[in-house]
Amino acid sequence: MSRETIMLIGIGISVLLGGLNYFSTKKGVYINTVSAERIKWINKLREHFSDYSNMVYIYANAVEDYNNKEIAPEEFNEKNLNDDIVYKTTMIELYLNPTEKMNLVLMDLHTIMLQTLREEFCELSYEFYYDLHEDLEYLQQVILKSEWKRLKLESKKGKEIPNKKMKKIFKEVGEEINKNKYIELMEDTKY
């Protein structure tokens, strides 16, 4: 082989490796950007979940105190977080993918919680409220843990995972946290 041929092969290999490096770097930057934004999204969703749970708890206690005539109507009105709960519910639902069953069940439970706190105002069953609240917190945990798992997989693979795989992740995480609760909420569709 001539020296020129070897040089051309060397240049060709350099160009090829340079091109591969360019696309690999470009893909890495994209993955890092998406991952960083998804981390922000997960943390913001966690904050909304926490705020929602706090507001619902305060409001349910105020309803119970009002029903038991432990607080006056004026004091109850100060603790009436109905509008705030509706706002927070809307914020959460805007963060979620409405095509995923887990998220749809959570959204249904939000509606039931609002109806329970509003319509059954004078007859609030604390047992029903706590069961409903427990189901909501379970779904919130499954969603957050599943999203972290999605983030790790997408970062590792370098591409978005399909909805079918996400459905499988929700099931795995849900059963890992509480298999009976998963079956009750997702398969038996109690709500």
C-alpha atoms as a PDB file:
ATOM      1  CA  MET A   1       0.000   0.000   0.000  1.00  0.00           C
ATOM      2  CA  SER A   2       1.212   3.406  -0.842  1.00  0.00           C
ATOM      3  CA  ARG A   3       1.736   6.108   1.629  1.00  0.00           C
ATOM      4  CA  GLU A   4      -1.058   8.167   0.050  1.00  0.00           C
ATOM      5  CA  THR A   5      -3.525   5.293   0.357  1.00  0.00           C
ATOM      6  CA  ILE A   6      -2.680   4.862   4.021  1.00  0.00           C
ATOM      7  CA  MET A   7      -3.107   8.586   4.504  1.00  0.00           C
ATOM      8  CA  LEU A   8      -6.507   8.564   2.772  1.00  0.00           C
ATOM      9  CA  ILE A   9      -7.615   5.607   4.905  1.00  0.00           C
ATOM     10  CA  GLY A  10      -6.444   7.489   8.016  1.00  0.00           C
ATOM     11  CA  ILE A  11      -8.352  10.616   6.966  1.00  0.00           C
ATOM     12  CA  GLY A  12     -11.448   8.525   6.200  1.00  0.00           C
ATOM     13  CA  ILE A  13     -11.290   6.843   9.611  1.00  0.00           C
ATOM     14  CA  SER A  14     -10.795  10.235  11.304  1.00  0.00           C
ATOM     15  CA  VAL A  15     -13.800  11.708   9.489  1.00  0.00           C
ATOM     16  CA  LEU A  16     -15.897   8.655  10.343  1.00  0.00           C
ATOM     17  CA  LEU A  17     -14.904   8.740  14.019  1.00  0.00           C
ATOM     18  CA  GLY A  18     -15.425  12.505  14.103  1.00  0.00           C
ATOM     19  CA  GLY A  19     -18.923  12.109  12.656  1.00  0.00           C
ATOM     20  CA  LEU A  20     -19.789   9.350  15.121  1.00  0.00           C
ATOM     21  CA  ASN A  21     -18.445  11.442  17.982  1.00  0.00           C
ATOM     22  CA  TYR A  22     -20.491  14.449  16.803  1.00  0.00           C
ATOM     23  CA  PHE A  23     -23.762  12.487  16.697  1.00  0.00           C
ATOM     24  CA  SER A  24     -22.979  10.767  19.990  1.00  0.00           C
ATOM     25  CA  THR A  25     -22.298  14.111  21.662  1.00  0.00           C
ATOM     26  CA  LYS A  26     -25.417  15.645  20.131  1.00  0.00           C
ATOM     27  CA  LYS A  27     -27.504  12.701  21.389  1.00  0.00           C
ATOM     28  CA  GLY A  28     -25.890  12.994  24.845  1.00  0.00           C
ATOM     29  CA  VAL A  29     -26.730  16.690  25.083  1.00  0.00           C
ATOM     30  CA  TYR A  30     -30.331  15.946  24.070  1.00  0.00           C
ATOM     31  CA  ILE A  31     -30.631  13.153  26.662  1.00  0.00           C
ATOM     32  CA  ASN A  32     -29.146  15.357  29.377  1.00  0.00           C
ATOM     33  CA  THR A  33     -31.506  18.225  28.532  1.00  0.00           C
ATOM     34  CA  VAL A  34     -34.595  16.003  28.512  1.00  0.00           C
ATOM     35  CA  SER A  35     -33.500  14.292  31.733  1.00  0.00           C
ATOM     36  CA  ALA A  36     -32.923  17.608  33.501  1.00  0.00           C
ATOM     37  CA  GLU A  37     -36.353  18.879  32.455  1.00  0.00           C
ATOM     38  CA  ARG A  38     -38.012  15.623  33.499  1.00  0.00           C
ATOM     39  CA  ILE A  39     -36.358  15.852  36.922  1.00  0.00           C
ATOM     40  CA  LYS A  40     -37.779  19.371  37.331  1.00  0.00           C
ATOM     41  CA  TRP A  41     -41.189  18.103  36.223  1.00  0.00           C
ATOM     42  CA  ILE A  42     -41.154  15.181  38.684  1.00  0.00           C
ATOM     43  CA  ASN A  43     -40.131  17.442  41.565  1.00  0.00           C
ATOM     44  CA  LYS A  44     -42.819  19.992  40.696  1.00  0.00           C
ATOM     45  CA  LEU A  45     -45.425  17.224  40.478  1.00  0.00           C
ATOM     46  CA  ARG A  46     -44.313  15.939  43.901  1.00  0.00           C
ATOM     47  CA  GLU A  47     -44.740  19.467  45.285  1.00  0.00           C
ATOM     48  CA  HIS A  48     -48.262  19.703  43.812  1.00  0.00           C
ATOM     49  CA  PHE A  49     -49.162  16.299  45.282  1.00  0.00           C
ATOM     50  CA  SER A  50     -47.935  17.406  48.696  1.00  0.00           C
ATOM     51  CA  ASP A  51     -49.810  20.732  48.559  1.00  0.00           C
ATOM     52  CA  TYR A  52     -52.983  18.960  47.437  1.00  0.00           C
ATOM     53  CA  SER A  53     -52.825  16.429  50.288  1.00  0.00           C
ATOM     54  CA  ASN A  54     -52.232  19.191  52.819  1.00  0.00           C
ATOM     55  CA  MET A  55     -55.146  21.303  51.562  1.00  0.00           C
ATOM     56  CA  VAL A  56     -57.553  18.361  51.472  1.00  0.00           C
ATOM     57  CA  TYR A  57     -56.542  17.352  54.997  1.00  0.00           C
ATOM     58  CA  ILE A  58     -57.051  20.880  56.371  1.00  0.00           C
ATOM     59  CA  TYR A  59     -60.383  21.234  54.590  1.00  0.00           C
ATOM     60  CA  ALA A  60     -61.676  17.804  55.699  1.00  0.00           C
ATOM     61  CA  ASN A  61     -60.791  18.617  59.300  1.00  0.00           C
ATOM     62  CA  ALA A  62     -62.554  21.965  59.011  1.00  0.00           C
ATOM     63  CA  VAL A  63     -65.652  20.224  57.622  1.00  0.00           C
ATOM     64  CA  GLU A  64     -65.618  17.746  60.486  1.00  0.00           C
ATOM     65  CA  ASP A  65     -65.121  20.517  63.063  1.00  0.00           C
ATOM     66  CA  TYR A  66     -67.929  22.532  61.486  1.00  0.00           C
ATOM     67  CA  ASN A  67     -70.268  19.528  61.418  1.00  0.00           C
ATOM     68  CA  ASN A  68     -69.491  18.840  65.076  1.00  0.00           C
ATOM     69  CA  LYS A  69     -70.147  22.521  65.826  1.00  0.00           C
ATOM     70  CA  GLU A  70     -66.585  22.924  67.110  1.00  0.00           C
ATOM     71  CA  ILE A  71     -65.969  25.972  64.913  1.00  0.00           C
ATOM     72  CA  ALA A  72     -68.191  28.856  63.868  1.00  0.00           C
ATOM     73  CA  PRO A  73     -69.165  29.461  60.223  1.00  0.00           C
ATOM     74  CA  GLU A  74     -66.745  32.403  60.033  1.00  0.00           C
ATOM     75  CA  GLU A  75     -63.829  30.246  61.151  1.00  0.00           C
ATOM     76  CA  PHE A  76     -64.865  27.528  58.702  1.00  0.00           C
ATOM     77  CA  ASN A  77     -64.942  30.049  55.864  1.00  0.00           C
ATOM     78  CA  GLU A  78     -61.324  30.952  56.660  1.00  0.00           C
ATOM     79  CA  LYS A  79     -60.380  27.280  56.245  1.00  0.00           C
ATOM     80  CA  ASN A  80     -62.529  26.715  53.173  1.00  0.00           C
ATOM     81  CA  LEU A  81     -59.902  25.698  50.659  1.00  0.00           C
ATOM     82  CA  ASN A  82     -62.342  24.520  48.014  1.00  0.00           C
ATOM     83  CA  ASP A  83     -61.104  26.915  45.321  1.00  0.00           C
ATOM     84  CA  ASP A  84     -57.477  26.177  46.174  1.00  0.00           C
ATOM     85  CA  ILE A  85     -58.118  22.428  45.982  1.00  0.00           C
ATOM     86  CA  VAL A  86     -59.765  22.816  42.584  1.00  0.00           C
ATOM     87  CA  TYR A  87     -56.792  24.887  41.377  1.00  0.00           C
ATOM     88  CA  LYS A  88     -54.255  22.377  42.714  1.00  0.00           C
ATOM     89  CA  THR A  89     -56.210  19.476  41.208  1.00  0.00           C
ATOM     90  CA  THR A  90     -56.152  21.211  37.838  1.00  0.00           C
ATOM     91  CA  MET A  91     -52.399  21.822  38.118  1.00  0.00           C
ATOM     92  CA  ILE A  92     -51.758  18.145  38.897  1.00  0.00           C
ATOM     93  CA  GLU A  93     -53.946  16.957  36.065  1.00  0.00           C
ATOM     94  CA  LEU A  94     -52.184  19.247  33.603  1.00  0.00           C
ATOM     95  CA  TYR A  95     -48.888  17.631  34.593  1.00  0.00           C
ATOM     96  CA  LEU A  96     -50.186  14.107  33.934  1.00  0.00           C
ATOM     97  CA  ASN A  97     -50.578  12.165  30.701  1.00  0.00           C
ATOM     98  CA  PRO A  98     -54.337  11.596  30.273  1.00  0.00           C
ATOM     99  CA  THR A  99     -53.722   8.508  28.114  1.00  0.00           C
ATOM    100  CA  GLU A 100     -52.208   6.492  30.972  1.00  0.00           C
ATOM    101  CA  LYS A 101     -54.723   4.523  33.035  1.00  0.00           C
ATOM    102  CA  MET A 102     -52.895   5.154  36.316  1.00  0.00           C
ATOM    103  CA  ASN A 103     -53.255   8.892  35.799  1.00  0.00           C
ATOM    104  CA  LEU A 104     -56.907   8.559  34.783  1.00  0.00           C
ATOM    105  CA  VAL A 105     -57.687   6.660  37.987  1.00  0.00           C
ATOM    106  CA  LEU A 106     -55.971   9.412  39.992  1.00  0.00           C
ATOM    107  CA  MET A 107     -58.015  12.047  38.161  1.00  0.00           C
ATOM    108  CA  ASP A 108     -61.220  10.120  38.926  1.00  0.00           C
ATOM    109  CA  LEU A 109     -60.270   9.992  42.607  1.00  0.00           C
ATOM    110  CA  HIS A 110     -59.656  13.749  42.592  1.00  0.00           C
ATOM    111  CA  THR A 111     -63.196  14.238  41.308  1.00  0.00           C
ATOM    112  CA  ILE A 112     -64.614  11.900  43.945  1.00  0.00           C
ATOM    113  CA  MET A 113     -62.657  13.711  46.672  1.00  0.00           C
ATOM    114  CA  LEU A 114     -64.007  17.093  45.571  1.00  0.00           C
ATOM    115  CA  GLN A 115     -67.552  15.734  45.414  1.00  0.00           C
ATOM    116  CA  THR A 116     -67.151  14.148  48.827  1.00  0.00           C
ATOM    117  CA  LEU A 117     -65.927  17.347  50.420  1.00  0.00           C
ATOM    118  CA  ARG A 118     -68.574  19.502  48.703  1.00  0.00           C
ATOM    119  CA  GLU A 119     -71.737  17.506  48.271  1.00  0.00           C
ATOM    120  CA  GLU A 120     -71.533  15.385  51.384  1.00  0.00           C
ATOM    121  CA  PHE A 121     -70.519  18.388  53.393  1.00  0.00           C
ATOM    122  CA  CYS A 122     -72.944  17.840  56.253  1.00  0.00           C
ATOM    123  CA  GLU A 123     -72.417  14.093  56.320  1.00  0.00           C
ATOM    124  CA  LEU A 124     -68.694  13.719  55.729  1.00  0.00           C
ATOM    125  CA  SER A 125     -67.701  10.165  56.510  1.00  0.00           C
ATOM    126  CA  TYR A 126     -64.203  10.410  57.867  1.00  0.00           C
ATOM    127  CA  GLU A 127     -63.666   6.712  57.213  1.00  0.00           C
ATOM    128  CA  PHE A 128     -64.538   7.167  53.530  1.00  0.00           C
ATOM    129  CA  TYR A 129     -62.370  10.284  53.363  1.00  0.00           C
ATOM    130  CA  TYR A 130     -59.348   8.463  54.861  1.00  0.00           C
ATOM    131  CA  ASP A 131     -59.794   5.456  52.555  1.00  0.00           C
ATOM    132  CA  LEU A 132     -60.002   7.789  49.562  1.00  0.00           C
ATOM    133  CA  HIS A 133     -57.021   9.810  50.752  1.00  0.00           C
ATOM    134  CA  GLU A 134     -55.011   6.617  51.236  1.00  0.00           C
ATOM    135  CA  ASP A 135     -55.838   5.551  47.661  1.00  0.00           C
ATOM    136  CA  LEU A 136     -54.783   8.955  46.336  1.00  0.00           C
ATOM    137  CA  GLU A 137     -51.464   8.841  48.179  1.00  0.00           C
ATOM    138  CA  TYR A 138     -50.820   5.318  46.912  1.00  0.00           C
ATOM    139  CA  LEU A 139     -51.398   6.414  43.304  1.00  0.00           C
ATOM    140  CA  GLN A 140     -49.203   9.472  43.799  1.00  0.00           C
ATOM    141  CA  GLN A 141     -46.377   7.259  45.078  1.00  0.00           C
ATOM    142  CA  VAL A 142     -46.743   4.839  42.164  1.00  0.00           C
ATOM    143  CA  ILE A 143     -46.763   7.672  39.635  1.00  0.00           C
ATOM    144  CA  LEU A 144     -43.687   9.363  41.091  1.00  0.00           C
ATOM    145  CA  LYS A 145     -41.692   6.151  41.478  1.00  0.00           C
ATOM    146  CA  SER A 146     -42.692   5.024  37.972  1.00  0.00           C
ATOM    147  CA  GLU A 147     -41.633   8.350  36.500  1.00  0.00           C
ATOM    148  CA  TRP A 148     -38.210   8.041  38.151  1.00  0.00           C
ATOM    149  CA  LYS A 149     -37.918   4.574  36.683  1.00  0.00           C
ATOM    150  CA  ARG A 150     -38.916   5.948  33.252  1.00  0.00           C
ATOM    151  CA  LEU A 151     -36.271   8.666  33.599  1.00  0.00           C
ATOM    152  CA  LYS A 152     -33.548   6.136  34.377  1.00  0.00           C
ATOM    153  CA  LEU A 153     -34.523   3.883  31.468  1.00  0.00           C
ATOM    154  CA  GLU A 154     -34.752   6.732  28.979  1.00  0.00           C
ATOM    155  CA  SER A 155     -31.382   8.093  30.106  1.00  0.00           C
ATOM    156  CA  LYS A 156     -29.829   4.652  29.766  1.00  0.00           C
ATOM    157  CA  LYS A 157     -31.379   3.869  26.362  1.00  0.00           C
ATOM    158  CA  GLY A 158     -31.083   7.381  25.013  1.00  0.00           C
ATOM    159  CA  LYS A 159     -34.627   7.456  23.723  1.00  0.00           C
ATOM    160  CA  GLU A 160     -38.205   7.751  24.918  1.00  0.00           C
ATOM    161  CA  ILE A 161     -39.762   4.506  26.067  1.00  0.00           C
ATOM    162  CA  PRO A 162     -43.055   3.429  24.484  1.00  0.00           C
ATOM    163  CA  ASN A 163     -46.437   3.629  26.255  1.00  0.00           C
ATOM    164  CA  LYS A 164     -46.648  -0.172  26.419  1.00  0.00           C
ATOM    165  CA  LYS A 165     -43.416  -0.291  28.442  1.00  0.00           C
ATOM    166  CA  MET A 166     -44.677   2.516  30.699  1.00  0.00           C
ATOM    167  CA  LYS A 167     -47.848   0.565  31.406  1.00  0.00           C
ATOM    168  CA  LYS A 168     -45.650  -2.358  32.462  1.00  0.00           C
ATOM    169  CA  ILE A 169     -43.592  -0.061  34.715  1.00  0.00           C
ATOM    170  CA  PHE A 170     -46.742   1.273  36.414  1.00  0.00           C
ATOM    171  CA  LYS A 171     -47.873  -2.307  37.074  1.00  0.00           C
ATOM    172  CA  GLU A 172     -44.474  -3.423  38.418  1.00  0.00           C
ATOM    173  CA  VAL A 173     -44.133  -0.413  40.711  1.00  0.00           C
ATOM    174  CA  GLY A 174     -47.761  -0.560  41.833  1.00  0.00           C
ATOM    175  CA  GLU A 175     -47.506  -4.221  42.743  1.00  0.00           C
ATOM    176  CA  GLU A 176     -44.143  -3.662  44.427  1.00  0.00           C
ATOM    177  CA  ILE A 177     -45.617  -0.994  46.704  1.00  0.00           C
ATOM    178  CA  ASN A 178     -48.908  -2.802  47.440  1.00  0.00           C
ATOM    179  CA  LYS A 179     -50.120  -5.568  45.155  1.00  0.00           C
ATOM    180  CA  ASN A 180     -53.618  -5.749  46.663  1.00  0.00           C
ATOM    181  CA  LYS A 181     -54.121  -2.006  46.358  1.00  0.00           C
ATOM    182  CA  TYR A 182     -52.944  -2.131  42.741  1.00  0.00           C
ATOM    183  CA  ILE A 183     -55.433  -4.870  41.893  1.00  0.00           C
ATOM    184  CA  GLU A 184     -58.208  -3.035  43.735  1.00  0.00           C
ATOM    185  CA  LEU A 185     -57.616   0.296  41.989  1.00  0.00           C
ATOM    186  CA  MET A 186     -56.365  -0.693  38.564  1.00  0.00           C
ATOM    187  CA  GLU A 187     -57.891  -4.064  37.802  1.00  0.00           C
ATOM    188  CA  ASP A 188     -61.038  -4.184  39.899  1.00  0.00           C
ATOM    189  CA  THR A 189     -61.543  -0.440  39.288  1.00  0.00           C
ATOM    190  CA  LYS A 190     -63.175   0.258  42.594  1.00  0.00           C
ATOM    191  CA  TYR A 191     -63.806   3.820  41.420  1.00  0.00           C
END
